[in-house]
């Protein structure tokens, strides 16, 4: 079943505008509808639709675009370094960065559709959100719900490159990355904390240490 991406995007935008509530459950319900109807659409057509939907869109369009791409296997297999560069442009808020990092970027990296070189290039970016993305991309490598089995080398390589970064968004992302890794490889995380103790931000040492000991980031006292 082929589609007209421009017409489909226009329809999606109209349906978004007609929603009585613009919250995640409502937008996700609409996305599921299109994931079903576009299941047999050609990969290139779905990818074009995703690109058009992201162009000038807000968070509802981004949620639909990222999750639609992730749910369409043939289209997802077209993801590469160039495409993730394109799709990450303009992401400048916590929610959008994390959605893209977990739903698309980390999954594609885990499957080697995206290279280590691309992820590491963002570590050196002056853009705090690109640096956060590099860390968030490690989460699916270790998240069982996303098929992660624990990839210590890839995760810690990004963490080491950002050890001295004190931007709050980066520090919080590193804490998240290490806490996720600790679920499958606690020993490697314990060793990392011990070896890099002098360079790690206090928040990271506290939250990851708590996770290793109690299973929670911030246990109640």
C-alpha atoms as a PDB file:
ATOM      1  CA  UNK A   1       0.000   0.000   0.000  1.00  0.00           C
ATOM      2  CA  UNK A   2       1.602   3.235  -1.120  1.00  0.00           C
ATOM      3  CA  UNK A   3       0.710   6.587   0.382  1.00  0.00           C
ATOM      4  CA  UNK A   4       0.969  10.291  -0.360  1.00  0.00           C
ATOM      5  CA  UNK A   5       3.167  11.506   2.513  1.00  0.00           C
ATOM      6  CA  UNK A   6       2.254  15.176   2.150  1.00  0.00           C
ATOM      7  CA  UNK A   7      -1.477  14.447   2.227  1.00  0.00           C
ATOM      8  CA  UNK A   8      -1.099  12.067   5.174  1.00  0.00           C
ATOM      9  CA  UNK A   9       0.866  14.664   7.134  1.00  0.00           C
ATOM     10  CA  UNK A  10      -1.812  17.283   6.448  1.00  0.00           C
ATOM     11  CA  UNK A  11      -4.450  14.859   7.747  1.00  0.00           C
ATOM     12  CA  UNK A  12      -2.427  14.093  10.867  1.00  0.00           C
ATOM     13  CA  UNK A  13      -2.023  17.807  11.580  1.00  0.00           C
ATOM     14  CA  UNK A  14      -5.776  18.363  11.193  1.00  0.00           C
ATOM     15  CA  UNK A  15      -6.519  15.489  13.550  1.00  0.00           C
ATOM     16  CA  UNK A  16      -4.024  16.842  16.078  1.00  0.00           C
ATOM     17  CA  UNK A  17      -5.692  20.253  15.916  1.00  0.00           C
ATOM     18  CA  UNK A  18      -9.097  18.669  16.551  1.00  0.00           C
ATOM     19  CA  UNK A  19      -8.038  16.766  19.676  1.00  0.00           C
ATOM     20  CA  UNK A  20      -9.909  17.914  22.746  1.00  0.00           C
ATOM     21  CA  UNK A  21      -6.795  17.334  24.848  1.00  0.00           C
ATOM     22  CA  UNK A  22      -3.167  17.689  23.802  1.00  0.00           C
ATOM     23  CA  UNK A  23      -1.615  15.271  26.255  1.00  0.00           C
ATOM     24  CA  UNK A  24       0.649  12.272  25.700  1.00  0.00           C
ATOM     25  CA  UNK A  25      -2.093   9.580  25.918  1.00  0.00           C
ATOM     26  CA  UNK A  26      -4.278  11.403  23.374  1.00  0.00           C
ATOM     27  CA  UNK A  27      -1.420  12.007  20.935  1.00  0.00           C
ATOM     28  CA  UNK A  28      -0.137   8.462  21.360  1.00  0.00           C
ATOM     29  CA  UNK A  29      -3.598   7.061  20.605  1.00  0.00           C
ATOM     30  CA  UNK A  30      -3.525   8.954  17.303  1.00  0.00           C
ATOM     31  CA  UNK A  31      -0.025   7.649  16.600  1.00  0.00           C
ATOM     32  CA  UNK A  32      -1.134   4.056  17.152  1.00  0.00           C
ATOM     33  CA  UNK A  33      -3.880   4.557  14.603  1.00  0.00           C
ATOM     34  CA  UNK A  34      -1.324   5.579  11.973  1.00  0.00           C
ATOM     35  CA  UNK A  35       1.163   2.885  12.941  1.00  0.00           C
ATOM     36  CA  UNK A  36      -1.584   0.377  12.131  1.00  0.00           C
ATOM     37  CA  UNK A  37      -2.777   2.000   8.920  1.00  0.00           C
ATOM     38  CA  UNK A  38       0.771   2.504   7.579  1.00  0.00           C
ATOM     39  CA  UNK A  39       2.018  -0.953   8.521  1.00  0.00           C
ATOM     40  CA  UNK A  40       2.350  -2.092   4.903  1.00  0.00           C
ATOM     41  CA  UNK A  41       3.366   1.272   3.437  1.00  0.00           C
ATOM     42  CA  UNK A  42       6.750   1.419   1.663  1.00  0.00           C
ATOM     43  CA  UNK A  43       9.701   2.313   3.887  1.00  0.00           C
ATOM     44  CA  UNK A  44      10.740   5.334   1.820  1.00  0.00           C
ATOM     45  CA  UNK A  45       7.221   6.769   1.928  1.00  0.00           C
ATOM     46  CA  UNK A  46       7.024   6.396   5.700  1.00  0.00           C
ATOM     47  CA  UNK A  47      10.422   8.010   6.094  1.00  0.00           C
ATOM     48  CA  UNK A  48       9.360  10.944   3.924  1.00  0.00           C
ATOM     49  CA  UNK A  49       6.208  11.310   6.025  1.00  0.00           C
ATOM     50  CA  UNK A  50       8.297  11.372   9.210  1.00  0.00           C
ATOM     51  CA  UNK A  51      10.598  14.046   7.803  1.00  0.00           C
ATOM     52  CA  UNK A  52       7.652  16.208   6.740  1.00  0.00           C
ATOM     53  CA  UNK A  53       5.971  15.810  10.109  1.00  0.00           C
ATOM     54  CA  UNK A  54       9.120  16.933  11.940  1.00  0.00           C
ATOM     55  CA  UNK A  55       9.468  20.026   9.769  1.00  0.00           C
ATOM     56  CA  UNK A  56       8.216  22.890  11.908  1.00  0.00           C
ATOM     57  CA  UNK A  57       6.344  20.577  14.234  1.00  0.00           C
ATOM     58  CA  UNK A  58       5.936  20.795  17.977  1.00  0.00           C
ATOM     59  CA  UNK A  59       6.170  18.019  20.561  1.00  0.00           C
ATOM     60  CA  UNK A  60       2.976  16.227  19.362  1.00  0.00           C
ATOM     61  CA  UNK A  61       4.360  15.937  15.831  1.00  0.00           C
ATOM     62  CA  UNK A  62       7.738  14.803  17.164  1.00  0.00           C
ATOM     63  CA  UNK A  63       6.142  12.116  19.326  1.00  0.00           C
ATOM     64  CA  UNK A  64       4.135  10.776  16.389  1.00  0.00           C
ATOM     65  CA  UNK A  65       7.086  10.974  14.001  1.00  0.00           C
ATOM     66  CA  UNK A  66       9.604   9.231  16.260  1.00  0.00           C
ATOM     67  CA  UNK A  67       7.245   6.503  17.437  1.00  0.00           C
ATOM     68  CA  UNK A  68       5.846   5.952  13.946  1.00  0.00           C
ATOM     69  CA  UNK A  69       9.356   5.450  12.593  1.00  0.00           C
ATOM     70  CA  UNK A  70      10.272   3.114  15.450  1.00  0.00           C
ATOM     71  CA  UNK A  71       7.160   1.003  14.857  1.00  0.00           C
ATOM     72  CA  UNK A  72       7.727   0.607  11.093  1.00  0.00           C
ATOM     73  CA  UNK A  73      10.594  -1.856  10.853  1.00  0.00           C
ATOM     74  CA  UNK A  74      11.508  -1.391   7.151  1.00  0.00           C
ATOM     75  CA  UNK A  75      11.597   2.396   7.575  1.00  0.00           C
ATOM     76  CA  UNK A  76      13.575   2.148  10.803  1.00  0.00           C
ATOM     77  CA  UNK A  77      16.238   0.112   9.019  1.00  0.00           C
ATOM     78  CA  UNK A  78      16.913   3.176   6.840  1.00  0.00           C
ATOM     79  CA  UNK A  79      18.178   5.137   9.858  1.00  0.00           C
ATOM     80  CA  UNK A  80      21.854   6.125   9.570  1.00  0.00           C
ATOM     81  CA  UNK A  81      24.324   8.752  10.776  1.00  0.00           C
ATOM     82  CA  UNK A  82      23.100  11.368   8.330  1.00  0.00           C
ATOM     83  CA  UNK A  83      19.447  10.858   9.208  1.00  0.00           C
ATOM     84  CA  UNK A  84      19.918  11.094  12.979  1.00  0.00           C
ATOM     85  CA  UNK A  85      21.875  14.308  12.437  1.00  0.00           C
ATOM     86  CA  UNK A  86      18.934  15.687  10.471  1.00  0.00           C
ATOM     87  CA  UNK A  87      16.318  14.519  12.962  1.00  0.00           C
ATOM     88  CA  UNK A  88      18.174  15.874  15.984  1.00  0.00           C
ATOM     89  CA  UNK A  89      18.377  19.413  14.626  1.00  0.00           C
ATOM     90  CA  UNK A  90      16.377  21.857  16.704  1.00  0.00           C
ATOM     91  CA  UNK A  91      15.805  19.514  19.646  1.00  0.00           C
ATOM     92  CA  UNK A  92      16.224  21.788  22.635  1.00  0.00           C
ATOM     93  CA  UNK A  93      14.038  20.525  25.441  1.00  0.00           C
ATOM     94  CA  UNK A  94      14.330  17.669  27.892  1.00  0.00           C
ATOM     95  CA  UNK A  95      11.266  15.724  26.670  1.00  0.00           C
ATOM     96  CA  UNK A  96      12.056  15.801  22.945  1.00  0.00           C
ATOM     97  CA  UNK A  97      15.740  14.966  23.431  1.00  0.00           C
ATOM     98  CA  UNK A  98      14.984  11.982  25.648  1.00  0.00           C
ATOM     99  CA  UNK A  99      12.189  10.727  23.400  1.00  0.00           C
ATOM    100  CA  UNK A 100      14.464  10.814  20.363  1.00  0.00           C
ATOM    101  CA  UNK A 101      17.432   9.386  22.267  1.00  0.00           C
ATOM    102  CA  UNK A 102      15.559   6.381  23.604  1.00  0.00           C
ATOM    103  CA  UNK A 103      13.075   5.738  20.784  1.00  0.00           C
ATOM    104  CA  UNK A 104      15.296   6.228  17.730  1.00  0.00           C
ATOM    105  CA  UNK A 105      18.935   7.068  18.379  1.00  0.00           C
ATOM    106  CA  UNK A 106      19.806   4.510  21.047  1.00  0.00           C
ATOM    107  CA  UNK A 107      17.903   1.739  19.290  1.00  0.00           C
ATOM    108  CA  UNK A 108      19.651   2.480  15.997  1.00  0.00           C
ATOM    109  CA  UNK A 109      23.039   2.608  17.719  1.00  0.00           C
ATOM    110  CA  UNK A 110      22.358  -0.690  19.455  1.00  0.00           C
ATOM    111  CA  UNK A 111      21.663  -2.267  16.062  1.00  0.00           C
ATOM    112  CA  UNK A 112      24.755  -0.592  14.535  1.00  0.00           C
ATOM    113  CA  UNK A 113      22.705   1.478  12.110  1.00  0.00           C
ATOM    114  CA  UNK A 114      24.359   4.490  13.746  1.00  0.00           C
ATOM    115  CA  UNK A 115      28.115   4.515  14.314  1.00  0.00           C
ATOM    116  CA  UNK A 116      30.149   5.035  17.477  1.00  0.00           C
ATOM    117  CA  UNK A 117      31.823   7.903  15.633  1.00  0.00           C
ATOM    118  CA  UNK A 118      28.523   9.762  15.290  1.00  0.00           C
ATOM    119  CA  UNK A 119      27.646   9.383  18.979  1.00  0.00           C
ATOM    120  CA  UNK A 120      31.132  10.447  20.060  1.00  0.00           C
ATOM    121  CA  UNK A 121      31.037  13.480  17.766  1.00  0.00           C
ATOM    122  CA  UNK A 122      28.122  14.838  19.793  1.00  0.00           C
ATOM    123  CA  UNK A 123      30.142  14.520  22.995  1.00  0.00           C
ATOM    124  CA  UNK A 124      32.318  17.370  21.718  1.00  0.00           C
ATOM    125  CA  UNK A 125      29.398  19.558  20.641  1.00  0.00           C
ATOM    126  CA  UNK A 126      28.963  23.031  22.192  1.00  0.00           C
ATOM    127  CA  UNK A 127      25.236  22.231  22.223  1.00  0.00           C
ATOM    128  CA  UNK A 128      24.277  20.867  25.648  1.00  0.00           C
ATOM    129  CA  UNK A 129      21.390  18.930  24.101  1.00  0.00           C
ATOM    130  CA  UNK A 130      23.659  17.049  21.699  1.00  0.00           C
ATOM    131  CA  UNK A 131      25.914  16.105  24.603  1.00  0.00           C
ATOM    132  CA  UNK A 132      22.882  14.923  26.552  1.00  0.00           C
ATOM    133  CA  UNK A 133      21.742  12.932  23.515  1.00  0.00           C
ATOM    134  CA  UNK A 134      25.029  11.046  23.420  1.00  0.00           C
ATOM    135  CA  UNK A 135      24.402   9.860  26.982  1.00  0.00           C
ATOM    136  CA  UNK A 136      20.689   9.170  26.563  1.00  0.00           C
ATOM    137  CA  UNK A 137      21.553   6.987  23.547  1.00  0.00           C
ATOM    138  CA  UNK A 138      23.271   4.568  25.946  1.00  0.00           C
ATOM    139  CA  UNK A 139      20.043   3.886  27.842  1.00  0.00           C
ATOM    140  CA  UNK A 140      18.464   1.479  25.301  1.00  0.00           C
ATOM    141  CA  UNK A 141      21.746  -0.473  25.202  1.00  0.00           C
ATOM    142  CA  UNK A 142      21.032  -1.523  28.778  1.00  0.00           C
ATOM    143  CA  UNK A 143      17.251  -1.217  29.044  1.00  0.00           C
ATOM    144  CA  UNK A 144      15.660  -4.662  29.056  1.00  0.00           C
ATOM    145  CA  UNK A 145      12.322  -3.254  27.931  1.00  0.00           C
ATOM    146  CA  UNK A 146      14.078  -2.035  24.764  1.00  0.00           C
ATOM    147  CA  UNK A 147      15.938  -5.298  24.186  1.00  0.00           C
ATOM    148  CA  UNK A 148      19.154  -4.101  25.789  1.00  0.00           C
ATOM    149  CA  UNK A 149      21.436  -6.723  27.234  1.00  0.00           C
ATOM    150  CA  UNK A 150      24.095  -4.517  28.801  1.00  0.00           C
ATOM    151  CA  UNK A 151      26.799  -2.936  26.671  1.00  0.00           C
ATOM    152  CA  UNK A 152      29.423  -1.810  29.124  1.00  0.00           C
ATOM    153  CA  UNK A 153      32.096  -0.616  26.697  1.00  0.00           C
ATOM    154  CA  UNK A 154      29.842   1.636  24.662  1.00  0.00           C
ATOM    155  CA  UNK A 155      28.128   3.099  27.704  1.00  0.00           C
ATOM    156  CA  UNK A 156      31.259   3.862  29.692  1.00  0.00           C
ATOM    157  CA  UNK A 157      33.124   5.228  26.674  1.00  0.00           C
ATOM    158  CA  UNK A 158      30.558   8.045  26.414  1.00  0.00           C
ATOM    159  CA  UNK A 159      30.527   8.598  30.177  1.00  0.00           C
ATOM    160  CA  UNK A 160      34.323   8.907  30.282  1.00  0.00           C
ATOM    161  CA  UNK A 161      34.308  11.528  27.559  1.00  0.00           C
ATOM    162  CA  UNK A 162      31.881  13.674  29.570  1.00  0.00           C
ATOM    163  CA  UNK A 163      33.292  13.192  33.071  1.00  0.00           C
ATOM    164  CA  UNK A 164      34.223  16.851  33.492  1.00  0.00           C
ATOM    165  CA  UNK A 165      31.018  18.287  32.014  1.00  0.00           C
ATOM    166  CA  UNK A 166      29.014  20.057  34.717  1.00  0.00           C
ATOM    167  CA  UNK A 167      26.047  21.168  32.652  1.00  0.00           C
ATOM    168  CA  UNK A 168      22.997  20.090  34.648  1.00  0.00           C
ATOM    169  CA  UNK A 169      21.355  18.366  31.676  1.00  0.00           C
ATOM    170  CA  UNK A 170      24.520  16.350  31.036  1.00  0.00           C
ATOM    171  CA  UNK A 171      25.079  15.441  34.691  1.00  0.00           C
ATOM    172  CA  UNK A 172      21.504  14.179  35.041  1.00  0.00           C
ATOM    173  CA  UNK A 173      21.828  12.174  31.823  1.00  0.00           C
ATOM    174  CA  UNK A 174      25.052  10.521  33.002  1.00  0.00           C
ATOM    175  CA  UNK A 175      23.381   9.549  36.253  1.00  0.00           C
ATOM    176  CA  UNK A 176      20.552   7.983  34.236  1.00  0.00           C
ATOM    177  CA  UNK A 177      22.972   6.167  31.924  1.00  0.00           C
ATOM    178  CA  UNK A 178      24.953   4.673  34.802  1.00  0.00           C
ATOM    179  CA  UNK A 179      21.871   3.734  36.795  1.00  0.00           C
ATOM    180  CA  UNK A 180      20.482   1.868  33.788  1.00  0.00           C
ATOM    181  CA  UNK A 181      23.783   0.054  33.266  1.00  0.00           C
ATOM    182  CA  UNK A 182      23.844  -0.893  36.945  1.00  0.00           C
ATOM    183  CA  UNK A 183      20.745  -3.042  36.437  1.00  0.00           C
ATOM    184  CA  UNK A 184      22.630  -5.469  34.202  1.00  0.00           C
ATOM    185  CA  UNK A 185      26.274  -4.836  35.134  1.00  0.00           C
ATOM    186  CA  UNK A 186      26.490  -3.493  38.703  1.00  0.00           C
ATOM    187  CA  UNK A 187      30.133  -4.513  39.127  1.00  0.00           C
ATOM    188  CA  UNK A 188      31.263  -2.455  36.128  1.00  0.00           C
ATOM    189  CA  UNK A 189      29.422   0.579  37.498  1.00  0.00           C
ATOM    190  CA  UNK A 190      30.902   0.115  40.976  1.00  0.00           C
ATOM    191  CA  UNK A 191      34.384  -0.015  39.457  1.00  0.00           C
ATOM    192  CA  UNK A 192      33.690   3.076  37.350  1.00  0.00           C
ATOM    193  CA  UNK A 193      32.531   5.044  40.404  1.00  0.00           C
ATOM    194  CA  UNK A 194      35.627   3.993  42.322  1.00  0.00           C
ATOM    195  CA  UNK A 195      38.089   4.727  39.508  1.00  0.00           C
ATOM    196  CA  UNK A 196      36.581   8.081  38.501  1.00  0.00           C
ATOM    197  CA  UNK A 197      35.498   9.269  41.951  1.00  0.00           C
ATOM    198  CA  UNK A 198      37.504  12.487  41.856  1.00  0.00           C
ATOM    199  CA  UNK A 199      36.068  13.610  38.522  1.00  0.00           C
ATOM    200  CA  UNK A 200      32.407  12.613  38.862  1.00  0.00           C
ATOM    201  CA  UNK A 201      29.795  15.205  39.824  1.00  0.00           C
ATOM    202  CA  UNK A 202      28.385  14.821  43.337  1.00  0.00           C
ATOM    203  CA  UNK A 203      24.868  14.164  42.008  1.00  0.00           C
ATOM    204  CA  UNK A 204      26.104  11.220  39.942  1.00  0.00           C
ATOM    205  CA  UNK A 205      28.006   9.660  42.849  1.00  0.00           C
ATOM    206  CA  UNK A 206      25.005  10.071  45.150  1.00  0.00           C
ATOM    207  CA  UNK A 207      22.258   8.859  42.805  1.00  0.00           C
ATOM    208  CA  UNK A 208      24.172   5.976  41.248  1.00  0.00           C
ATOM    209  CA  UNK A 209      25.547   4.935  44.639  1.00  0.00           C
ATOM    210  CA  UNK A 210      22.010   4.894  46.026  1.00  0.00           C
ATOM    211  CA  UNK A 211      20.818   2.829  43.093  1.00  0.00           C
ATOM    212  CA  UNK A 212      23.532   0.234  43.629  1.00  0.00           C
ATOM    213  CA  UNK A 213      22.839  -0.061  47.344  1.00  0.00           C
ATOM    214  CA  UNK A 214      19.062   0.372  47.612  1.00  0.00           C
ATOM    215  CA  UNK A 215      17.766  -0.066  44.068  1.00  0.00           C
ATOM    216  CA  UNK A 216      16.424   3.509  44.122  1.00  0.00           C
ATOM    217  CA  UNK A 217      17.875   6.814  42.962  1.00  0.00           C
ATOM    218  CA  UNK A 218      16.643   8.762  45.969  1.00  0.00           C
ATOM    219  CA  UNK A 219      15.549   6.375  48.733  1.00  0.00           C
ATOM    220  CA  UNK A 220      13.275   7.753  51.425  1.00  0.00           C
ATOM    221  CA  UNK A 221      14.946   8.300  54.759  1.00  0.00           C
END
